[in-house]
Amino acid sequence: MHTSLSLALSSYINSEERVKIGLESRSS
């Protein structure tokens, strides 16, 4: 259970980072 939870959390963080990077590259 702990493993799947950390996997879901890491994938959520990854998507958040991608959105953040995309917004930064789009504005610059």
N, C-alpha and C. Protein backbone atom coordinates (compact mmCIF):
# COMPACT_ATOMS: atom_id res chain seq x y z
N MET A 1 0.84 -1.20 0.00
CA MET A 1 0.00 0.00 0.00
C MET A 1 0.88 1.25 0.00
N HIS A 2 1.91 1.25 0.82
CA HIS A 2 2.79 2.41 0.90
C HIS A 2 3.48 2.65 -0.43
N THR A 3 3.83 1.54 -1.14
CA THR A 3 4.54 1.68 -2.41
C THR A 3 3.65 2.33 -3.46
N SER A 4 2.40 1.87 -3.57
CA SER A 4 1.50 2.43 -4.58
C SER A 4 1.18 3.89 -4.25
N LEU A 5 1.13 4.21 -2.97
CA LEU A 5 0.85 5.59 -2.56
C LEU A 5 1.99 6.50 -2.98
N SER A 6 3.22 6.06 -2.75
CA SER A 6 4.38 6.87 -3.12
C SER A 6 4.49 6.98 -4.63
N LEU A 7 4.09 5.91 -5.35
CA LEU A 7 4.12 5.95 -6.82
C LEU A 7 3.12 6.98 -7.33
N ALA A 8 1.92 6.98 -6.77
CA ALA A 8 0.90 7.94 -7.18
C ALA A 8 1.36 9.36 -6.86
N LEU A 9 1.98 9.54 -5.71
CA LEU A 9 2.46 10.86 -5.30
C LEU A 9 3.56 11.34 -6.23
N SER A 10 4.50 10.46 -6.56
CA SER A 10 5.61 10.85 -7.44
C SER A 10 5.12 11.17 -8.84
N SER A 11 4.14 10.42 -9.34
CA SER A 11 3.61 10.68 -10.67
C SER A 11 2.85 12.00 -10.68
N TYR A 12 2.15 12.32 -9.57
CA TYR A 12 1.44 13.59 -9.45
C TYR A 12 2.44 14.74 -9.44
N ILE A 13 3.53 14.58 -8.70
CA ILE A 13 4.57 15.61 -8.65
C ILE A 13 5.20 15.78 -10.02
N ASN A 14 5.42 14.67 -10.73
CA ASN A 14 6.00 14.74 -12.06
C ASN A 14 5.11 15.55 -13.00
N SER A 15 3.80 15.31 -12.98
CA SER A 15 2.89 16.04 -13.85
C SER A 15 2.85 17.51 -13.46
N GLU A 16 2.91 17.80 -12.16
CA GLU A 16 2.93 19.19 -11.69
C GLU A 16 4.19 19.90 -12.18
N GLU A 17 5.33 19.20 -12.12
CA GLU A 17 6.60 19.78 -12.58
C GLU A 17 6.54 20.03 -14.08
N ARG A 18 5.93 19.11 -14.84
CA ARG A 18 5.83 19.28 -16.29
C ARG A 18 4.98 20.50 -16.63
N VAL A 19 3.88 20.68 -15.91
CA VAL A 19 3.02 21.83 -16.14
C VAL A 19 3.77 23.12 -15.82
N LYS A 20 4.52 23.11 -14.71
CA LYS A 20 5.28 24.28 -14.30
C LYS A 20 6.35 24.61 -15.33
N ILE A 21 7.06 23.59 -15.80
CA ILE A 21 8.11 23.79 -16.80
C ILE A 21 7.49 24.30 -18.10
N GLY A 22 6.36 23.74 -18.48
CA GLY A 22 5.68 24.15 -19.71
C GLY A 22 5.25 25.61 -19.63
N LEU A 23 4.73 26.03 -18.48
CA LEU A 23 4.31 27.42 -18.32
C LEU A 23 5.52 28.35 -18.36
N GLU A 24 6.63 27.94 -17.74
CA GLU A 24 7.82 28.78 -17.72
C GLU A 24 8.40 28.92 -19.13
N SER A 25 8.48 27.82 -19.88
CA SER A 25 9.05 27.88 -21.23
C SER A 25 8.11 28.65 -22.15
N ARG A 26 6.81 28.59 -21.88
CA ARG A 26 5.83 29.29 -22.72
C ARG A 26 5.92 30.80 -22.49
N SER A 27 6.16 31.22 -21.24
CA SER A 27 6.22 32.65 -20.93
C SER A 27 7.55 33.26 -21.37
N SER A 28 8.59 32.45 -21.44
CA SER A 28 9.91 32.97 -21.82
C SER A 28 10.18 32.68 -23.29
